[in-house]
Amino acid sequence: MSWDRTGLATSVVALLLIRWYPSVGAAVLAPVAIAVIGTGLIRVFQRRRYRVRVAGIAYEKVEADFWSVVWMTVLPVLIAGTAIAGIWLF
């Protein structure tokens, strides 16, 4: 359920960034694209993560999902970095 909320929050970020289009121009499309792609990837890989975790709980062997945490750390930094670069450069 938390991944659903994360995907929804990332979609909201994309929608909020689109509001900058009239003042910033096409530079805002890069962080919007990153947010939309990130949301899609969260959604696609969410089902696989759930299946793996359910199997891990059933066999009492659950490991931390290191790469999901790394991805969720990189995604907002990437969105913010491209948004800031787009505003300052254009």
PDB file of N, CA and C in Angstrom:
ATOM      1  N   MET A   1       0.810  -1.176   0.000  1.00  0.00           N
ATOM      2  CA  MET A   1       0.000   0.000   0.000  1.00  0.00           C
ATOM      3  C   MET A   1       0.866   1.257   0.000  1.00  0.00           C
ATOM      4  N   SER A   2       2.002   1.234   0.636  1.00  0.00           N
ATOM      5  CA  SER A   2       2.838   2.429   0.665  1.00  0.00           C
ATOM      6  C   SER A   2       3.395   2.755  -0.723  1.00  0.00           C
ATOM      7  N   TRP A   3       3.629   1.734  -1.555  1.00  0.00           N
ATOM      8  CA  TRP A   3       4.113   1.997  -2.908  1.00  0.00           C
ATOM      9  C   TRP A   3       3.025   2.657  -3.750  1.00  0.00           C
ATOM     10  N   ASP A   4       1.760   2.326  -3.490  1.00  0.00           N
ATOM     11  CA  ASP A   4       0.663   3.018  -4.172  1.00  0.00           C
ATOM     12  C   ASP A   4       0.662   4.496  -3.821  1.00  0.00           C
ATOM     13  N   ARG A   5       0.854   4.806  -2.557  1.00  0.00           N
ATOM     14  CA  ARG A   5       0.899   6.203  -2.130  1.00  0.00           C
ATOM     15  C   ARG A   5       2.118   6.919  -2.713  1.00  0.00           C
ATOM     16  N   THR A   6       3.228   6.231  -2.808  1.00  0.00           N
ATOM     17  CA  THR A   6       4.425   6.826  -3.388  1.00  0.00           C
ATOM     18  C   THR A   6       4.212   7.135  -4.858  1.00  0.00           C
ATOM     19  N   GLY A   7       3.603   6.209  -5.577  1.00  0.00           N
ATOM     20  CA  GLY A   7       3.292   6.449  -6.984  1.00  0.00           C
ATOM     21  C   GLY A   7       2.325   7.600  -7.164  1.00  0.00           C
ATOM     22  N   LEU A   8       1.330   7.670  -6.303  1.00  0.00           N
ATOM     23  CA  LEU A   8       0.362   8.763  -6.361  1.00  0.00           C
ATOM     24  C   LEU A   8       1.049  10.100  -6.064  1.00  0.00           C
ATOM     25  N   ALA A   9       1.902  10.130  -5.073  1.00  0.00           N
ATOM     26  CA  ALA A   9       2.620  11.363  -4.738  1.00  0.00           C
ATOM     27  C   ALA A   9       3.518  11.807  -5.890  1.00  0.00           C
ATOM     28  N   THR A  10       4.163  10.871  -6.560  1.00  0.00           N
ATOM     29  CA  THR A  10       5.009  11.209  -7.695  1.00  0.00           C
ATOM     30  C   THR A  10       4.172  11.744  -8.850  1.00  0.00           C
ATOM     31  N   SER A  11       2.981  11.199  -9.049  1.00  0.00           N
ATOM     32  CA  SER A  11       2.073  11.717 -10.077  1.00  0.00           C
ATOM     33  C   SER A  11       1.634  13.142  -9.748  1.00  0.00           C
ATOM     34  N   VAL A  12       1.371  13.405  -8.484  1.00  0.00           N
ATOM     35  CA  VAL A  12       0.985  14.756  -8.068  1.00  0.00           C
ATOM     36  C   VAL A  12       2.136  15.727  -8.313  1.00  0.00           C
ATOM     37  N   VAL A  13       3.354  15.299  -8.060  1.00  0.00           N
ATOM     38  CA  VAL A  13       4.523  16.143  -8.330  1.00  0.00           C
ATOM     39  C   VAL A  13       4.582  16.483  -9.819  1.00  0.00           C
ATOM     40  N   ALA A  14       4.337  15.495 -10.676  1.00  0.00           N
ATOM     41  CA  ALA A  14       4.343  15.745 -12.121  1.00  0.00           C
ATOM     42  C   ALA A  14       3.274  16.766 -12.502  1.00  0.00           C
ATOM     43  N   LEU A  15       2.094  16.638 -11.922  1.00  0.00           N
ATOM     44  CA  LEU A  15       1.021  17.589 -12.221  1.00  0.00           C
ATOM     45  C   LEU A  15       1.354  18.991 -11.718  1.00  0.00           C
ATOM     46  N   LEU A  16       1.966  19.082 -10.559  1.00  0.00           N
ATOM     47  CA  LEU A  16       2.361  20.392 -10.042  1.00  0.00           C
ATOM     48  C   LEU A  16       3.453  21.031 -10.903  1.00  0.00           C
ATOM     49  N   LEU A  17       4.353  20.208 -11.402  1.00  0.00           N
ATOM     50  CA  LEU A  17       5.408  20.740 -12.262  1.00  0.00           C
ATOM     51  C   LEU A  17       4.845  21.266 -13.585  1.00  0.00           C
ATOM     52  N   ILE A  18       3.800  20.636 -14.088  1.00  0.00           N
ATOM     53  CA  ILE A  18       3.200  21.091 -15.343  1.00  0.00           C
ATOM     54  C   ILE A  18       2.671  22.514 -15.204  1.00  0.00           C
ATOM     55  N   ARG A  19       2.287  22.907 -14.006  1.00  0.00           N
ATOM     56  CA  ARG A  19       1.801  24.272 -13.786  1.00  0.00           C
ATOM     57  C   ARG A  19       2.879  25.313 -14.075  1.00  0.00           C
ATOM     58  N   TRP A  20       4.150  24.934 -14.035  1.00  0.00           N
ATOM     59  CA  TRP A  20       5.243  25.854 -14.323  1.00  0.00           C
ATOM     60  C   TRP A  20       5.439  26.091 -15.818  1.00  0.00           C
ATOM     61  N   TYR A  21       4.793  25.321 -16.652  1.00  0.00           N
ATOM     62  CA  TYR A  21       5.017  25.405 -18.096  1.00  0.00           C
ATOM     63  C   TYR A  21       4.857  26.821 -18.655  1.00  0.00           C
ATOM     64  N   PRO A  22       3.810  27.572 -18.291  1.00  0.00           N
ATOM     65  CA  PRO A  22       3.678  28.921 -18.858  1.00  0.00           C
ATOM     66  C   PRO A  22       4.844  29.859 -18.511  1.00  0.00           C
ATOM     67  N   SER A  23       5.419  29.718 -17.336  1.00  0.00           N
ATOM     68  CA  SER A  23       6.500  30.623 -16.954  1.00  0.00           C
ATOM     69  C   SER A  23       7.886  30.096 -17.299  1.00  0.00           C
ATOM     70  N   VAL A  24       8.076  28.782 -17.277  1.00  0.00           N
ATOM     71  CA  VAL A  24       9.399  28.203 -17.514  1.00  0.00           C
ATOM     72  C   VAL A  24       9.548  27.725 -18.951  1.00  0.00           C
ATOM     73  N   GLY A  25       8.492  27.205 -19.516  1.00  0.00           N
ATOM     74  CA  GLY A  25       8.549  26.703 -20.881  1.00  0.00           C
ATOM     75  C   GLY A  25       8.860  25.212 -20.929  1.00  0.00           C
ATOM     76  N   ALA A  26       9.471  24.801 -22.022  1.00  0.00           N
ATOM     77  CA  ALA A  26       9.709  23.374 -22.267  1.00  0.00           C
ATOM     78  C   ALA A  26      10.709  22.746 -21.294  1.00  0.00           C
ATOM     79  N   ALA A  27      11.462  23.567 -20.578  1.00  0.00           N
ATOM     80  CA  ALA A  27      12.441  23.026 -19.628  1.00  0.00           C
ATOM     81  C   ALA A  27      11.780  22.217 -18.525  1.00  0.00           C
ATOM     82  N   VAL A  28      10.518  22.475 -18.256  1.00  0.00           N
ATOM     83  CA  VAL A  28       9.821  21.759 -17.191  1.00  0.00           C
ATOM     84  C   VAL A  28       9.417  20.348 -17.632  1.00  0.00           C
ATOM     85  N   LEU A  29       9.489  20.069 -18.906  1.00  0.00           N
ATOM     86  CA  LEU A  29       9.056  18.757 -19.383  1.00  0.00           C
ATOM     87  C   LEU A  29      10.006  17.629 -18.974  1.00  0.00           C
ATOM     88  N   ALA A  30      11.279  17.932 -18.767  1.00  0.00           N
ATOM     89  CA  ALA A  30      12.230  16.891 -18.342  1.00  0.00           C
ATOM     90  C   ALA A  30      11.886  16.344 -16.957  1.00  0.00           C
ATOM     91  N   PRO A  31      11.700  17.190 -15.929  1.00  0.00           N
ATOM     92  CA  PRO A  31      11.330  16.612 -14.634  1.00  0.00           C
ATOM     93  C   PRO A  31       9.944  15.971 -14.643  1.00  0.00           C
ATOM     94  N   VAL A  32       9.033  16.490 -15.464  1.00  0.00           N
ATOM     95  CA  VAL A  32       7.711  15.862 -15.576  1.00  0.00           C
ATOM     96  C   VAL A  32       7.859  14.464 -16.165  1.00  0.00           C
ATOM     97  N   ALA A  33       8.675  14.330 -17.208  1.00  0.00           N
ATOM     98  CA  ALA A  33       8.889  13.018 -17.822  1.00  0.00           C
ATOM     99  C   ALA A  33       9.530  12.050 -16.826  1.00  0.00           C
ATOM    100  N   ILE A  34      10.492  12.527 -16.047  1.00  0.00           N
ATOM    101  CA  ILE A  34      11.132  11.678 -15.042  1.00  0.00           C
ATOM    102  C   ILE A  34      10.109  11.226 -14.003  1.00  0.00           C
ATOM    103  N   ALA A  35       9.245  12.136 -13.565  1.00  0.00           N
ATOM    104  CA  ALA A  35       8.229  11.785 -12.566  1.00  0.00           C
ATOM    105  C   ALA A  35       7.234  10.772 -13.130  1.00  0.00           C
ATOM    106  N   VAL A  36       6.812  10.962 -14.373  1.00  0.00           N
ATOM    107  CA  VAL A  36       5.849  10.040 -14.979  1.00  0.00           C
ATOM    108  C   VAL A  36       6.479   8.664 -15.192  1.00  0.00           C
ATOM    109  N   ILE A  37       7.701   8.638 -15.678  1.00  0.00           N
ATOM    110  CA  ILE A  37       8.394   7.356 -15.864  1.00  0.00           C
ATOM    111  C   ILE A  37       8.624   6.680 -14.512  1.00  0.00           C
ATOM    112  N   GLY A  38       9.005   7.457 -13.508  1.00  0.00           N
ATOM    113  CA  GLY A  38       9.192   6.907 -12.161  1.00  0.00           C
ATOM    114  C   GLY A  38       7.909   6.302 -11.612  1.00  0.00           C
ATOM    115  N   THR A  39       6.789   6.996 -11.827  1.00  0.00           N
ATOM    116  CA  THR A  39       5.498   6.467 -11.385  1.00  0.00           C
ATOM    117  C   THR A  39       5.180   5.151 -12.081  1.00  0.00           C
ATOM    118  N   GLY A  40       5.432   5.112 -13.377  1.00  0.00           N
ATOM    119  CA  GLY A  40       5.186   3.873 -14.120  1.00  0.00           C
ATOM    120  C   GLY A  40       6.049   2.723 -13.643  1.00  0.00           C
ATOM    121  N   LEU A  41       7.317   3.006 -13.376  1.00  0.00           N
ATOM    122  CA  LEU A  41       8.212   1.956 -12.885  1.00  0.00           C
ATOM    123  C   LEU A  41       7.813   1.474 -11.495  1.00  0.00           C
ATOM    124  N   ILE A  42       7.391   2.393 -10.650  1.00  0.00           N
ATOM    125  CA  ILE A  42       6.915   1.993  -9.327  1.00  0.00           C
ATOM    126  C   ILE A  42       5.753   1.026  -9.480  1.00  0.00           C
ATOM    127  N   ARG A  43       4.824   1.369 -10.354  1.00  0.00           N
ATOM    128  CA  ARG A  43       3.623   0.550 -10.555  1.00  0.00           C
ATOM    129  C   ARG A  43       3.959  -0.819 -11.130  1.00  0.00           C
ATOM    130  N   VAL A  44       4.856  -0.849 -12.111  1.00  0.00           N
ATOM    131  CA  VAL A  44       5.212  -2.110 -12.769  1.00  0.00           C
ATOM    132  C   VAL A  44       5.899  -3.064 -11.800  1.00  0.00           C
ATOM    133  N   PHE A  45       6.870  -2.554 -11.043  1.00  0.00           N
ATOM    134  CA  PHE A  45       7.650  -3.419 -10.174  1.00  0.00           C
ATOM    135  C   PHE A  45       6.991  -3.689  -8.829  1.00  0.00           C
ATOM    136  N   GLN A  46       5.933  -2.977  -8.531  1.00  0.00           N
ATOM    137  CA  GLN A  46       5.250  -3.158  -7.247  1.00  0.00           C
ATOM    138  C   GLN A  46       4.699  -4.577  -7.101  1.00  0.00           C
ATOM    139  N   ARG A  47       4.066  -5.078  -8.122  1.00  0.00           N
ATOM    140  CA  ARG A  47       3.467  -6.429  -8.039  1.00  0.00           C
ATOM    141  C   ARG A  47       4.522  -7.492  -7.788  1.00  0.00           C
ATOM    142  N   ARG A  48       5.653  -7.384  -8.450  1.00  0.00           N
ATOM    143  CA  ARG A  48       6.726  -8.353  -8.246  1.00  0.00           C
ATOM    144  C   ARG A  48       7.254  -8.287  -6.819  1.00  0.00           C
ATOM    145  N   ARG A  49       7.432  -7.068  -6.307  1.00  0.00           N
ATOM    146  CA  ARG A  49       7.897  -6.930  -4.926  1.00  0.00           C
ATOM    147  C   ARG A  49       6.924  -7.562  -3.948  1.00  0.00           C
ATOM    148  N   TYR A  50       5.635  -7.361  -4.164  1.00  0.00           N
ATOM    149  CA  TYR A  50       4.636  -7.945  -3.276  1.00  0.00           C
ATOM    150  C   TYR A  50       4.684  -9.469  -3.315  1.00  0.00           C
ATOM    151  N   ARG A  51       4.793 -10.042  -4.503  1.00  0.00           N
ATOM    152  CA  ARG A  51       4.860 -11.509  -4.608  1.00  0.00           C
ATOM    153  C   ARG A  51       6.077 -12.053  -3.880  1.00  0.00           C
ATOM    154  N   VAL A  52       7.221 -11.398  -4.050  1.00  0.00           N
ATOM    155  CA  VAL A  52       8.450 -11.851  -3.390  1.00  0.00           C
ATOM    156  C   VAL A  52       8.307 -11.743  -1.872  1.00  0.00           C
ATOM    157  N   ARG A  53       7.728 -10.654  -1.386  1.00  0.00           N
ATOM    158  CA  ARG A  53       7.565 -10.475   0.055  1.00  0.00           C
ATOM    159  C   ARG A  53       6.588 -11.478   0.648  1.00  0.00           C
ATOM    160  N   VAL A  54       5.503 -11.763  -0.053  1.00  0.00           N
ATOM    161  CA  VAL A  54       4.534 -12.740   0.439  1.00  0.00           C
ATOM    162  C   VAL A  54       5.192 -14.117   0.531  1.00  0.00           C
ATOM    163  N   ALA A  55       5.952 -14.477  -0.487  1.00  0.00           N
ATOM    164  CA  ALA A  55       6.657 -15.764  -0.449  1.00  0.00           C
ATOM    165  C   ALA A  55       7.677 -15.767   0.686  1.00  0.00           C
ATOM    166  N   GLY A  56       8.358 -14.653   0.899  1.00  0.00           N
ATOM    167  CA  GLY A  56       9.337 -14.564   1.983  1.00  0.00           C
ATOM    168  C   GLY A  56       8.698 -14.695   3.347  1.00  0.00           C
ATOM    169  N   ILE A  57       7.533 -14.106   3.511  1.00  0.00           N
ATOM    170  CA  ILE A  57       6.823 -14.219   4.787  1.00  0.00           C
ATOM    171  C   ILE A  57       6.365 -15.652   4.993  1.00  0.00           C
ATOM    172  N   ALA A  58       5.879 -16.297   3.936  1.00  0.00           N
ATOM    173  CA  ALA A  58       5.412 -17.678   4.045  1.00  0.00           C
ATOM    174  C   ALA A  58       6.542 -18.619   4.452  1.00  0.00           C
ATOM    175  N   TYR A  59       7.739 -18.354   3.924  1.00  0.00           N
ATOM    176  CA  TYR A  59       8.881 -19.214   4.255  1.00  0.00           C
ATOM    177  C   TYR A  59       9.735 -18.641   5.389  1.00  0.00           C
ATOM    178  N   GLU A  60       9.251 -17.573   6.013  1.00  0.00           N
ATOM    179  CA  GLU A  60       9.946 -16.910   7.118  1.00  0.00           C
ATOM    180  C   GLU A  60      11.370 -16.509   6.749  1.00  0.00           C
ATOM    181  N   LYS A  61      11.503 -15.976   5.556  1.00  0.00           N
ATOM    182  CA  LYS A  61      12.808 -15.522   5.086  1.00  0.00           C
ATOM    183  C   LYS A  61      12.597 -14.282   4.207  1.00  0.00           C
ATOM    184  N   VAL A  62      12.551 -13.114   4.845  1.00  0.00           N
ATOM    185  CA  VAL A  62      12.333 -11.862   4.129  1.00  0.00           C
ATOM    186  C   VAL A  62      13.602 -11.021   4.227  1.00  0.00           C
ATOM    187  N   GLU A  63      14.065 -10.549   3.080  1.00  0.00           N
ATOM    188  CA  GLU A  63      15.240  -9.692   3.048  1.00  0.00           C
ATOM    189  C   GLU A  63      14.820  -8.273   2.693  1.00  0.00           C
ATOM    190  N   ALA A  64      15.617  -7.322   3.114  1.00  0.00           N
ATOM    191  CA  ALA A  64      15.344  -5.920   2.795  1.00  0.00           C
ATOM    192  C   ALA A  64      15.502  -5.694   1.296  1.00  0.00           C
ATOM    193  N   ASP A  65      14.670  -4.835   0.744  1.00  0.00           N
ATOM    194  CA  ASP A  65      14.725  -4.519  -0.678  1.00  0.00           C
ATOM    195  C   ASP A  65      15.595  -3.276  -0.875  1.00  0.00           C
ATOM    196  N   PHE A  66      16.883  -3.488  -0.927  1.00  0.00           N
ATOM    197  CA  PHE A  66      17.867  -2.416  -0.994  1.00  0.00           C
ATOM    198  C   PHE A  66      17.674  -1.532  -2.219  1.00  0.00           C
ATOM    199  N   TRP A  67      17.464  -2.127  -3.391  1.00  0.00           N
ATOM    200  CA  TRP A  67      17.379  -1.357  -4.630  1.00  0.00           C
ATOM    201  C   TRP A  67      16.132  -0.495  -4.702  1.00  0.00           C
ATOM    202  N   SER A  68      15.050  -0.901  -4.081  1.00  0.00           N
ATOM    203  CA  SER A  68      13.866  -0.047  -4.048  1.00  0.00           C
ATOM    204  C   SER A  68      14.126   1.208  -3.233  1.00  0.00           C
ATOM    205  N   VAL A  69      14.848   1.070  -2.152  1.00  0.00           N
ATOM    206  CA  VAL A  69      15.193   2.224  -1.322  1.00  0.00           C
ATOM    207  C   VAL A  69      16.139   3.154  -2.091  1.00  0.00           C
ATOM    208  N   VAL A  70      17.095   2.578  -2.785  1.00  0.00           N
ATOM    209  CA  VAL A  70      18.016   3.393  -3.587  1.00  0.00           C
ATOM    210  C   VAL A  70      17.235   4.136  -4.666  1.00  0.00           C
ATOM    211  N   TRP A  71      16.352   3.443  -5.363  1.00  0.00           N
ATOM    212  CA  TRP A  71      15.555   4.062  -6.423  1.00  0.00           C
ATOM    213  C   TRP A  71      14.708   5.210  -5.871  1.00  0.00           C
ATOM    214  N   MET A  72      14.089   4.998  -4.718  1.00  0.00           N
ATOM    215  CA  MET A  72      13.235   6.031  -4.148  1.00  0.00           C
ATOM    216  C   MET A  72      14.041   7.186  -3.559  1.00  0.00           C
ATOM    217  N   THR A  73      15.329   7.008  -3.371  1.00  0.00           N
ATOM    218  CA  THR A  73      16.190   8.107  -2.973  1.00  0.00           C
ATOM    219  C   THR A  73      16.643   8.891  -4.201  1.00  0.00           C
ATOM    220  N   VAL A  74      16.949   8.185  -5.266  1.00  0.00           N
ATOM    221  CA  VAL A  74      17.430   8.814  -6.495  1.00  0.00           C
ATOM    222  C   VAL A  74      16.308   9.562  -7.220  1.00  0.00           C
ATOM    223  N   LEU A  75      15.103   9.016  -7.235  1.00  0.00           N
ATOM    224  CA  LEU A  75      14.004   9.607  -7.999  1.00  0.00           C
ATOM    225  C   LEU A  75      13.691  11.047  -7.593  1.00  0.00           C
ATOM    226  N   PRO A  76      13.435  11.357  -6.325  1.00  0.00           N
ATOM    227  CA  PRO A  76      13.141  12.761  -5.994  1.00  0.00           C
ATOM    228  C   PRO A  76      14.331  13.692  -6.209  1.00  0.00           C
ATOM    229  N   VAL A  77      15.545  13.185  -5.977  1.00  0.00           N
ATOM    230  CA  VAL A  77      16.729  14.011  -6.215  1.00  0.00           C
ATOM    231  C   VAL A  77      16.846  14.325  -7.705  1.00  0.00           C
ATOM    232  N   LEU A  78      16.577  13.351  -8.548  1.00  0.00           N
ATOM    233  CA  LEU A  78      16.630  13.541  -9.991  1.00  0.00           C
ATOM    234  C   LEU A  78      15.540  14.511 -10.468  1.00  0.00           C
ATOM    235  N   ILE A  79      14.339  14.360  -9.951  1.00  0.00           N
ATOM    236  CA  ILE A  79      13.245  15.269 -10.313  1.00  0.00           C
ATOM    237  C   ILE A  79      13.579  16.692  -9.881  1.00  0.00           C
ATOM    238  N   ALA A  80      13.994  16.858  -8.637  1.00  0.00           N
ATOM    239  CA  ALA A  80      14.319  18.193  -8.133  1.00  0.00           C
ATOM    240  C   ALA A  80      15.522  18.792  -8.861  1.00  0.00           C
ATOM    241  N   GLY A  81      16.521  17.982  -9.108  1.00  0.00           N
ATOM    242  CA  GLY A  81      17.713  18.478  -9.799  1.00  0.00           C
ATOM    243  C   GLY A  81      17.420  18.958 -11.208  1.00  0.00           C
ATOM    244  N   THR A  82      16.631  18.198 -11.948  1.00  0.00           N
ATOM    245  CA  THR A  82      16.294  18.639 -13.303  1.00  0.00           C
ATOM    246  C   THR A  82      15.359  19.843 -13.287  1.00  0.00           C
ATOM    247  N   ALA A  83      14.472  19.917 -12.289  1.00  0.00           N
ATOM    248  CA  ALA A  83      13.587  21.084 -12.189  1.00  0.00           C
ATOM    249  C   ALA A  83      14.391  22.341 -11.875  1.00  0.00           C
ATOM    250  N   ILE A  84      15.307  22.244 -10.948  1.00  0.00           N
ATOM    251  CA  ILE A  84      16.131  23.408 -10.590  1.00  0.00           C
ATOM    252  C   ILE A  84      17.018  23.804 -11.757  1.00  0.00           C
ATOM    253  N   ALA A  85      17.625  22.833 -12.419  1.00  0.00           N
ATOM    254  CA  ALA A  85      18.466  23.126 -13.583  1.00  0.00           C
ATOM    255  C   ALA A  85      17.640  23.769 -14.695  1.00  0.00           C
ATOM    256  N   GLY A  86      16.416  23.287 -14.893  1.00  0.00           N
ATOM    257  CA  GLY A  86      15.565  23.865 -15.924  1.00  0.00           C
ATOM    258  C   GLY A  86      15.178  25.305 -15.635  1.00  0.00           C
ATOM    259  N   ILE A  87      14.944  25.596 -14.373  1.00  0.00           N
ATOM    260  CA  ILE A  87      14.574  26.960 -14.005  1.00  0.00           C
ATOM    261  C   ILE A  87      15.782  27.901 -14.127  1.00  0.00           C
ATOM    262  N   TRP A  88      16.942  27.461 -13.688  1.00  0.00           N
ATOM    263  CA  TRP A  88      18.111  28.334 -13.711  1.00  0.00           C
ATOM    264  C   TRP A  88      18.696  28.506 -15.106  1.00  0.00           C
ATOM    265  N   LEU A  89      18.602  27.470 -15.919  1.00  0.00           N
ATOM    266  CA  LEU A  89      19.230  27.533 -17.245  1.00  0.00           C
ATOM    267  C   LEU A  89      18.339  28.218 -18.280  1.00  0.00           C
ATOM    268  N   PHE A  90      17.038  28.210 -18.057  1.00  0.00           N
ATOM    269  CA  PHE A  90      16.158  28.782 -19.088  1.00  0.00           C
ATOM    270  C   PHE A  90      15.396  29.965 -18.581  1.00  0.00           C
TER     271      PHE A  90
END
